[in-house]
């Protein structure tokens, strides 16, 4: 699949996630934790049903430890996202600040650990992101 289609899909899924979470919270009075727990449970069931052959039997090794870390990260991401949807601050501002931290951080990690090239265009992009978020948050 082309990268821009993946980006569009991610943007749409993220938007749906936040909008539907707001609807569940405001219209059906579900708590962020109830939404979070049930969303994770449903996603897990879908994975088990759709990809049963890809389930790895837990082993004590570095590969499975990385899978556990990613699982905990996904758990924490969804938990924080649900808390953000019920926060007094607009979720767009929370998300903008997160992106302002995430994009430069991942760019630098890819540069230092995975030796990805860092050119002037990317550096200017990082500066523009930081400035844009400053404008949004002020």
N, C-alpha and C. Protein backbone atom coordinates (compact mmCIF):
# COMPACT_ATOMS: atom_id res chain seq x y z
N UNK A 1 0.85 -1.17 0.00
CA UNK A 1 0.00 0.00 0.00
C UNK A 1 0.90 1.24 0.00
N UNK A 2 0.52 2.23 -0.74
CA UNK A 2 1.30 3.46 -0.83
C UNK A 2 1.27 4.22 0.48
N UNK A 3 2.38 4.90 0.79
CA UNK A 3 2.54 5.58 2.08
C UNK A 3 1.47 6.62 2.34
N UNK A 4 1.07 7.36 1.30
CA UNK A 4 0.09 8.43 1.52
C UNK A 4 -1.30 7.86 1.79
N UNK A 5 -1.61 6.69 1.27
CA UNK A 5 -2.88 6.05 1.59
C UNK A 5 -2.89 5.58 3.05
N UNK A 6 -1.74 5.09 3.51
CA UNK A 6 -1.62 4.70 4.91
C UNK A 6 -1.80 5.94 5.80
N UNK A 7 -1.18 7.05 5.42
CA UNK A 7 -1.30 8.30 6.20
C UNK A 7 -2.74 8.78 6.25
N UNK A 8 -3.41 8.76 5.12
CA UNK A 8 -4.82 9.18 5.08
C UNK A 8 -5.67 8.25 5.95
N UNK A 9 -5.44 6.95 5.83
CA UNK A 9 -6.17 5.98 6.64
C UNK A 9 -5.95 6.20 8.13
N UNK A 10 -4.69 6.43 8.52
CA UNK A 10 -4.39 6.70 9.92
C UNK A 10 -5.09 7.96 10.41
N UNK A 11 -5.05 9.00 9.60
CA UNK A 11 -5.71 10.26 9.98
C UNK A 11 -7.21 10.06 10.16
N UNK A 12 -7.83 9.34 9.24
CA UNK A 12 -9.27 9.09 9.34
C UNK A 12 -9.61 8.22 10.56
N UNK A 13 -8.83 7.15 10.79
CA UNK A 13 -9.09 6.27 11.92
C UNK A 13 -8.92 7.03 13.23
N UNK A 14 -7.89 7.85 13.32
CA UNK A 14 -7.64 8.63 14.52
C UNK A 14 -8.79 9.62 14.76
N UNK A 15 -9.25 10.25 13.69
CA UNK A 15 -10.37 11.18 13.81
C UNK A 15 -11.64 10.46 14.26
N UNK A 16 -11.94 9.32 13.63
CA UNK A 16 -13.12 8.54 14.04
C UNK A 16 -13.01 8.12 15.50
N UNK A 17 -11.84 7.70 15.91
CA UNK A 17 -11.62 7.26 17.29
C UNK A 17 -11.98 8.37 18.28
N UNK A 18 -11.49 9.56 18.01
CA UNK A 18 -11.75 10.68 18.92
C UNK A 18 -13.22 11.10 18.87
N UNK A 19 -13.78 11.23 17.67
CA UNK A 19 -15.18 11.66 17.54
C UNK A 19 -16.13 10.64 18.18
N UNK A 20 -15.94 9.37 17.88
CA UNK A 20 -16.82 8.34 18.44
C UNK A 20 -16.64 8.23 19.96
N UNK A 21 -15.42 8.42 20.44
CA UNK A 21 -15.19 8.42 21.89
C UNK A 21 -15.94 9.57 22.56
N UNK A 22 -15.92 10.73 21.92
CA UNK A 22 -16.66 11.88 22.45
C UNK A 22 -18.16 11.59 22.48
N UNK A 23 -18.67 10.98 21.42
CA UNK A 23 -20.10 10.64 21.37
C UNK A 23 -20.45 9.66 22.48
N UNK A 24 -19.63 8.62 22.65
CA UNK A 24 -19.90 7.64 23.73
C UNK A 24 -19.85 8.30 25.10
N UNK A 25 -18.92 9.20 25.27
CA UNK A 25 -18.77 9.88 26.56
C UNK A 25 -19.91 10.87 26.82
N UNK A 26 -20.22 11.69 25.84
CA UNK A 26 -21.21 12.75 26.04
C UNK A 26 -22.66 12.26 25.93
N UNK A 27 -22.94 11.44 24.95
CA UNK A 27 -24.33 11.02 24.70
C UNK A 27 -24.74 9.78 25.49
N UNK A 28 -23.78 8.88 25.72
CA UNK A 28 -24.12 7.63 26.41
C UNK A 28 -23.52 7.58 27.82
N UNK A 29 -22.81 8.62 28.20
CA UNK A 29 -22.25 8.78 29.54
C UNK A 29 -21.34 7.63 29.96
N UNK A 30 -20.58 7.10 29.00
CA UNK A 30 -19.57 6.10 29.34
C UNK A 30 -18.32 6.82 29.81
N UNK A 31 -17.67 6.26 30.80
CA UNK A 31 -16.43 6.86 31.29
C UNK A 31 -15.29 6.56 30.31
N UNK A 32 -14.25 7.38 30.34
CA UNK A 32 -13.10 7.10 29.46
C UNK A 32 -12.52 5.71 29.69
N UNK A 33 -12.51 5.25 30.93
CA UNK A 33 -11.96 3.92 31.22
C UNK A 33 -12.83 2.82 30.61
N UNK A 34 -14.16 2.94 30.70
CA UNK A 34 -15.04 1.93 30.09
C UNK A 34 -14.85 1.89 28.58
N UNK A 35 -14.75 3.06 27.97
CA UNK A 35 -14.52 3.11 26.52
C UNK A 35 -13.19 2.44 26.20
N UNK A 36 -12.15 2.82 26.93
CA UNK A 36 -10.81 2.29 26.72
C UNK A 36 -10.78 0.76 26.84
N UNK A 37 -11.31 0.23 27.95
CA UNK A 37 -11.27 -1.21 28.19
C UNK A 37 -12.00 -1.97 27.09
N UNK A 38 -13.17 -1.51 26.71
CA UNK A 38 -13.96 -2.22 25.72
C UNK A 38 -13.37 -2.11 24.31
N UNK A 39 -12.79 -0.96 23.99
CA UNK A 39 -12.15 -0.81 22.67
C UNK A 39 -10.96 -1.76 22.55
N UNK A 40 -10.13 -1.83 23.59
CA UNK A 40 -8.98 -2.73 23.58
C UNK A 40 -9.44 -4.18 23.48
N UNK A 41 -10.47 -4.54 24.24
CA UNK A 41 -11.01 -5.90 24.22
C UNK A 41 -11.54 -6.26 22.83
N UNK A 42 -12.30 -5.38 22.24
CA UNK A 42 -12.86 -5.63 20.90
C UNK A 42 -11.74 -5.76 19.87
N UNK A 43 -10.74 -4.87 19.94
CA UNK A 43 -9.61 -4.94 19.01
C UNK A 43 -8.86 -6.27 19.16
N UNK A 44 -8.67 -6.69 20.42
CA UNK A 44 -8.00 -7.98 20.66
C UNK A 44 -8.78 -9.14 20.09
N UNK A 45 -10.10 -9.14 20.28
CA UNK A 45 -10.94 -10.22 19.73
C UNK A 45 -10.88 -10.24 18.21
N UNK A 46 -10.90 -9.07 17.59
CA UNK A 46 -10.81 -9.00 16.12
C UNK A 46 -9.48 -9.58 15.65
N UNK A 47 -8.40 -9.27 16.37
CA UNK A 47 -7.09 -9.83 16.00
C UNK A 47 -7.08 -11.35 16.11
N UNK A 48 -7.65 -11.88 17.19
CA UNK A 48 -7.67 -13.33 17.39
C UNK A 48 -8.50 -14.01 16.31
N UNK A 49 -9.62 -13.40 15.93
CA UNK A 49 -10.49 -13.98 14.91
C UNK A 49 -9.85 -13.88 13.52
N UNK A 50 -9.28 -12.74 13.19
CA UNK A 50 -8.75 -12.52 11.83
C UNK A 50 -7.36 -13.11 11.61
N UNK A 51 -6.55 -13.17 12.65
CA UNK A 51 -5.16 -13.61 12.49
C UNK A 51 -4.74 -14.65 13.52
N UNK A 52 -5.50 -15.74 13.65
CA UNK A 52 -5.16 -16.72 14.70
C UNK A 52 -3.80 -17.38 14.48
N UNK A 53 -3.36 -17.52 13.25
CA UNK A 53 -2.07 -18.17 12.96
C UNK A 53 -0.87 -17.30 13.29
N UNK A 54 -1.11 -16.01 13.52
CA UNK A 54 0.00 -15.10 13.81
C UNK A 54 0.22 -14.88 15.31
N UNK A 55 -0.53 -15.59 16.12
CA UNK A 55 -0.35 -15.47 17.56
C UNK A 55 0.93 -16.21 17.95
N UNK A 56 1.78 -15.54 18.69
CA UNK A 56 3.05 -16.11 19.13
C UNK A 56 2.89 -16.60 20.57
N UNK A 57 3.32 -17.83 20.80
CA UNK A 57 3.32 -18.36 22.16
C UNK A 57 4.39 -17.61 22.95
N UNK A 58 4.02 -17.05 24.10
CA UNK A 58 5.00 -16.27 24.87
C UNK A 58 6.26 -17.07 25.21
N UNK A 59 7.41 -16.42 25.00
CA UNK A 59 8.71 -17.00 25.34
C UNK A 59 9.50 -15.91 26.04
N UNK A 60 10.43 -16.30 26.85
CA UNK A 60 11.29 -15.32 27.50
C UNK A 60 12.50 -15.10 26.59
N UNK A 61 12.35 -14.11 25.70
CA UNK A 61 13.45 -13.72 24.82
C UNK A 61 13.28 -12.26 24.43
N UNK A 62 14.27 -11.70 23.77
CA UNK A 62 14.23 -10.27 23.43
C UNK A 62 13.11 -9.95 22.44
N UNK A 63 12.82 -10.87 21.54
CA UNK A 63 11.75 -10.64 20.56
C UNK A 63 10.40 -10.46 21.29
N UNK A 64 10.10 -11.36 22.21
CA UNK A 64 8.82 -11.27 22.90
C UNK A 64 8.80 -10.11 23.89
N UNK A 65 9.94 -9.77 24.45
CA UNK A 65 10.01 -8.60 25.34
C UNK A 65 9.66 -7.33 24.57
N UNK A 66 10.15 -7.21 23.32
CA UNK A 66 9.79 -6.05 22.49
C UNK A 66 8.30 -6.04 22.18
N UNK A 67 7.73 -7.22 21.92
CA UNK A 67 6.27 -7.30 21.71
C UNK A 67 5.51 -6.86 22.95
N UNK A 68 5.98 -7.24 24.12
CA UNK A 68 5.33 -6.80 25.37
C UNK A 68 5.43 -5.29 25.54
N UNK A 69 6.58 -4.73 25.21
CA UNK A 69 6.74 -3.28 25.32
C UNK A 69 5.80 -2.56 24.36
N UNK A 70 5.70 -3.06 23.13
CA UNK A 70 4.78 -2.45 22.16
C UNK A 70 3.34 -2.60 22.64
N UNK A 71 2.99 -3.76 23.19
CA UNK A 71 1.64 -3.96 23.73
C UNK A 71 1.34 -2.99 24.85
N UNK A 72 2.30 -2.81 25.76
CA UNK A 72 2.11 -1.85 26.85
C UNK A 72 2.00 -0.43 26.30
N UNK A 73 2.78 -0.13 25.28
CA UNK A 73 2.74 1.19 24.65
C UNK A 73 1.37 1.44 24.03
N UNK A 74 0.84 0.46 23.31
CA UNK A 74 -0.48 0.59 22.70
C UNK A 74 -1.55 0.76 23.77
N UNK A 75 -1.43 -0.01 24.84
CA UNK A 75 -2.35 0.10 25.97
C UNK A 75 -2.31 1.52 26.54
N UNK A 76 -1.11 2.03 26.79
CA UNK A 76 -0.94 3.36 27.38
C UNK A 76 -1.42 4.46 26.43
N UNK A 77 -1.14 4.29 25.14
CA UNK A 77 -1.57 5.28 24.14
C UNK A 77 -3.09 5.42 24.15
N UNK A 78 -3.78 4.31 24.11
CA UNK A 78 -5.24 4.35 24.10
C UNK A 78 -5.80 4.87 25.41
N UNK A 79 -5.17 4.51 26.51
CA UNK A 79 -5.60 5.01 27.82
C UNK A 79 -5.48 6.54 27.87
N UNK A 80 -4.32 7.07 27.47
CA UNK A 80 -4.10 8.51 27.48
C UNK A 80 -5.03 9.23 26.50
N UNK A 81 -5.27 8.60 25.36
CA UNK A 81 -6.17 9.19 24.37
C UNK A 81 -7.58 9.34 24.95
N UNK A 82 -8.04 8.32 25.65
CA UNK A 82 -9.37 8.40 26.26
C UNK A 82 -9.42 9.47 27.35
N UNK A 83 -8.35 9.57 28.13
CA UNK A 83 -8.31 10.63 29.14
C UNK A 83 -8.32 12.00 28.48
N UNK A 84 -7.64 12.12 27.35
CA UNK A 84 -7.60 13.39 26.63
C UNK A 84 -8.94 13.80 26.07
N UNK A 85 -9.74 12.83 25.64
CA UNK A 85 -11.05 13.18 25.06
C UNK A 85 -11.99 13.73 26.12
N UNK A 86 -11.75 13.45 27.37
CA UNK A 86 -12.63 13.93 28.44
C UNK A 86 -12.00 15.11 29.18
N UNK A 87 -10.87 15.59 28.73
CA UNK A 87 -10.16 16.69 29.37
C UNK A 87 -10.82 18.02 29.05
N UNK A 88 -10.60 19.01 29.91
CA UNK A 88 -11.16 20.35 29.67
C UNK A 88 -10.55 21.00 28.44
N UNK A 89 -9.30 20.68 28.16
CA UNK A 89 -8.58 21.24 27.02
C UNK A 89 -9.04 20.52 25.75
N UNK A 90 -9.22 21.27 24.67
CA UNK A 90 -9.61 20.71 23.38
C UNK A 90 -8.63 19.63 22.95
N UNK A 91 -9.14 18.49 22.49
CA UNK A 91 -8.30 17.37 22.09
C UNK A 91 -7.37 17.77 20.95
N UNK A 92 -7.77 18.71 20.12
CA UNK A 92 -6.90 19.18 19.04
C UNK A 92 -5.63 19.81 19.57
N UNK A 93 -5.75 20.54 20.68
CA UNK A 93 -4.56 21.15 21.29
C UNK A 93 -3.67 20.09 21.92
N UNK A 94 -4.28 19.13 22.58
CA UNK A 94 -3.50 18.03 23.18
C UNK A 94 -2.77 17.28 22.09
N UNK A 95 -3.47 16.99 21.01
CA UNK A 95 -2.88 16.25 19.90
C UNK A 95 -1.77 17.06 19.21
N UNK A 96 -1.99 18.36 19.03
CA UNK A 96 -0.98 19.21 18.40
C UNK A 96 0.31 19.21 19.21
N UNK A 97 0.17 19.30 20.52
CA UNK A 97 1.35 19.28 21.38
C UNK A 97 2.06 17.93 21.30
N UNK A 98 1.28 16.85 21.28
CA UNK A 98 1.86 15.51 21.17
C UNK A 98 2.62 15.35 19.86
N UNK A 99 2.05 15.83 18.77
CA UNK A 99 2.71 15.75 17.46
C UNK A 99 3.99 16.58 17.46
N UNK A 100 3.94 17.75 18.11
CA UNK A 100 5.13 18.62 18.17
C UNK A 100 6.27 17.92 18.90
N UNK A 101 5.96 17.07 19.84
CA UNK A 101 6.99 16.30 20.54
C UNK A 101 7.38 15.07 19.73
N UNK A 102 6.38 14.37 19.21
CA UNK A 102 6.59 13.09 18.53
C UNK A 102 7.43 13.21 17.25
N UNK A 103 7.07 14.14 16.38
CA UNK A 103 7.75 14.20 15.08
C UNK A 103 9.24 14.51 15.17
N UNK A 104 9.65 15.54 15.91
CA UNK A 104 11.09 15.75 16.04
C UNK A 104 11.79 14.59 16.77
N UNK A 105 11.12 14.05 17.79
CA UNK A 105 11.71 12.96 18.55
C UNK A 105 11.96 11.74 17.67
N UNK A 106 10.96 11.34 16.90
CA UNK A 106 11.13 10.16 16.04
C UNK A 106 12.16 10.43 14.95
N UNK A 107 12.20 11.65 14.43
CA UNK A 107 13.19 12.00 13.41
C UNK A 107 14.60 11.87 13.98
N UNK A 108 14.81 12.37 15.18
CA UNK A 108 16.14 12.27 15.80
C UNK A 108 16.50 10.83 16.17
N UNK A 109 15.53 10.07 16.66
CA UNK A 109 15.79 8.66 16.97
C UNK A 109 16.17 7.90 15.71
N UNK A 110 15.44 8.12 14.62
CA UNK A 110 15.77 7.46 13.36
C UNK A 110 17.16 7.86 12.87
N UNK A 111 17.52 9.12 13.10
CA UNK A 111 18.84 9.61 12.68
C UNK A 111 19.95 8.94 13.50
N UNK A 112 19.83 8.96 14.82
CA UNK A 112 20.91 8.46 15.67
C UNK A 112 20.97 6.94 15.74
N UNK A 113 19.83 6.27 15.82
CA UNK A 113 19.85 4.82 16.01
C UNK A 113 19.84 4.06 14.68
N UNK A 114 19.04 4.52 13.72
CA UNK A 114 18.89 3.78 12.47
C UNK A 114 19.61 4.44 11.29
N UNK A 115 20.38 5.49 11.57
CA UNK A 115 21.24 6.16 10.57
C UNK A 115 20.47 6.72 9.38
N UNK A 116 19.21 7.12 9.61
CA UNK A 116 18.47 7.77 8.53
C UNK A 116 19.06 9.16 8.30
N UNK A 117 19.05 9.58 7.06
CA UNK A 117 19.64 10.88 6.73
C UNK A 117 18.78 12.01 7.27
N UNK A 118 19.45 13.03 7.79
CA UNK A 118 18.79 14.22 8.29
C UNK A 118 19.30 15.39 7.46
N UNK A 119 18.40 15.92 6.61
CA UNK A 119 18.82 17.00 5.71
C UNK A 119 18.20 18.33 6.14
N UNK A 120 18.55 19.38 5.41
CA UNK A 120 18.05 20.72 5.75
C UNK A 120 16.54 20.78 5.72
N UNK A 121 15.95 20.09 4.75
CA UNK A 121 14.49 20.09 4.62
C UNK A 121 13.82 19.54 5.88
N UNK A 122 14.35 18.45 6.43
CA UNK A 122 13.78 17.86 7.65
C UNK A 122 14.00 18.77 8.85
N UNK A 123 15.16 19.39 8.93
CA UNK A 123 15.44 20.30 10.04
C UNK A 123 14.49 21.50 9.98
N UNK A 124 14.29 22.05 8.79
CA UNK A 124 13.34 23.16 8.63
C UNK A 124 11.93 22.71 9.00
N UNK A 125 11.57 21.49 8.62
CA UNK A 125 10.25 20.94 8.98
C UNK A 125 10.07 20.85 10.48
N UNK A 126 11.10 20.40 11.19
CA UNK A 126 11.03 20.31 12.65
C UNK A 126 10.82 21.70 13.25
N UNK A 127 11.56 22.68 12.75
CA UNK A 127 11.42 24.05 13.25
C UNK A 127 10.02 24.59 12.97
N UNK A 128 9.51 24.33 11.76
CA UNK A 128 8.16 24.80 11.42
C UNK A 128 7.09 24.14 12.28
N UNK A 129 7.27 22.86 12.58
CA UNK A 129 6.32 22.16 13.45
C UNK A 129 6.31 22.80 14.83
N UNK A 130 7.50 23.04 15.36
CA UNK A 130 7.58 23.66 16.69
C UNK A 130 6.92 25.04 16.68
N UNK A 131 7.17 25.82 15.65
CA UNK A 131 6.58 27.16 15.55
C UNK A 131 5.06 27.07 15.38
N UNK A 132 4.60 26.14 14.57
CA UNK A 132 3.16 25.95 14.34
C UNK A 132 2.44 25.59 15.63
N UNK A 133 3.03 24.71 16.40
CA UNK A 133 2.40 24.30 17.66
C UNK A 133 2.41 25.46 18.65
N UNK A 134 3.48 26.24 18.64
CA UNK A 134 3.49 27.44 19.48
C UNK A 134 2.32 28.36 19.13
N UNK A 135 2.05 28.53 17.84
CA UNK A 135 0.94 29.38 17.40
C UNK A 135 -0.41 28.79 17.82
N UNK A 136 -0.54 27.48 17.68
CA UNK A 136 -1.80 26.82 18.04
C UNK A 136 -2.05 26.92 19.54
N UNK A 137 -1.01 26.74 20.33
CA UNK A 137 -1.18 26.71 21.78
C UNK A 137 -1.24 28.10 22.42
N UNK A 138 -0.87 29.14 21.65
CA UNK A 138 -0.86 30.47 22.28
C UNK A 138 -2.16 31.22 22.05
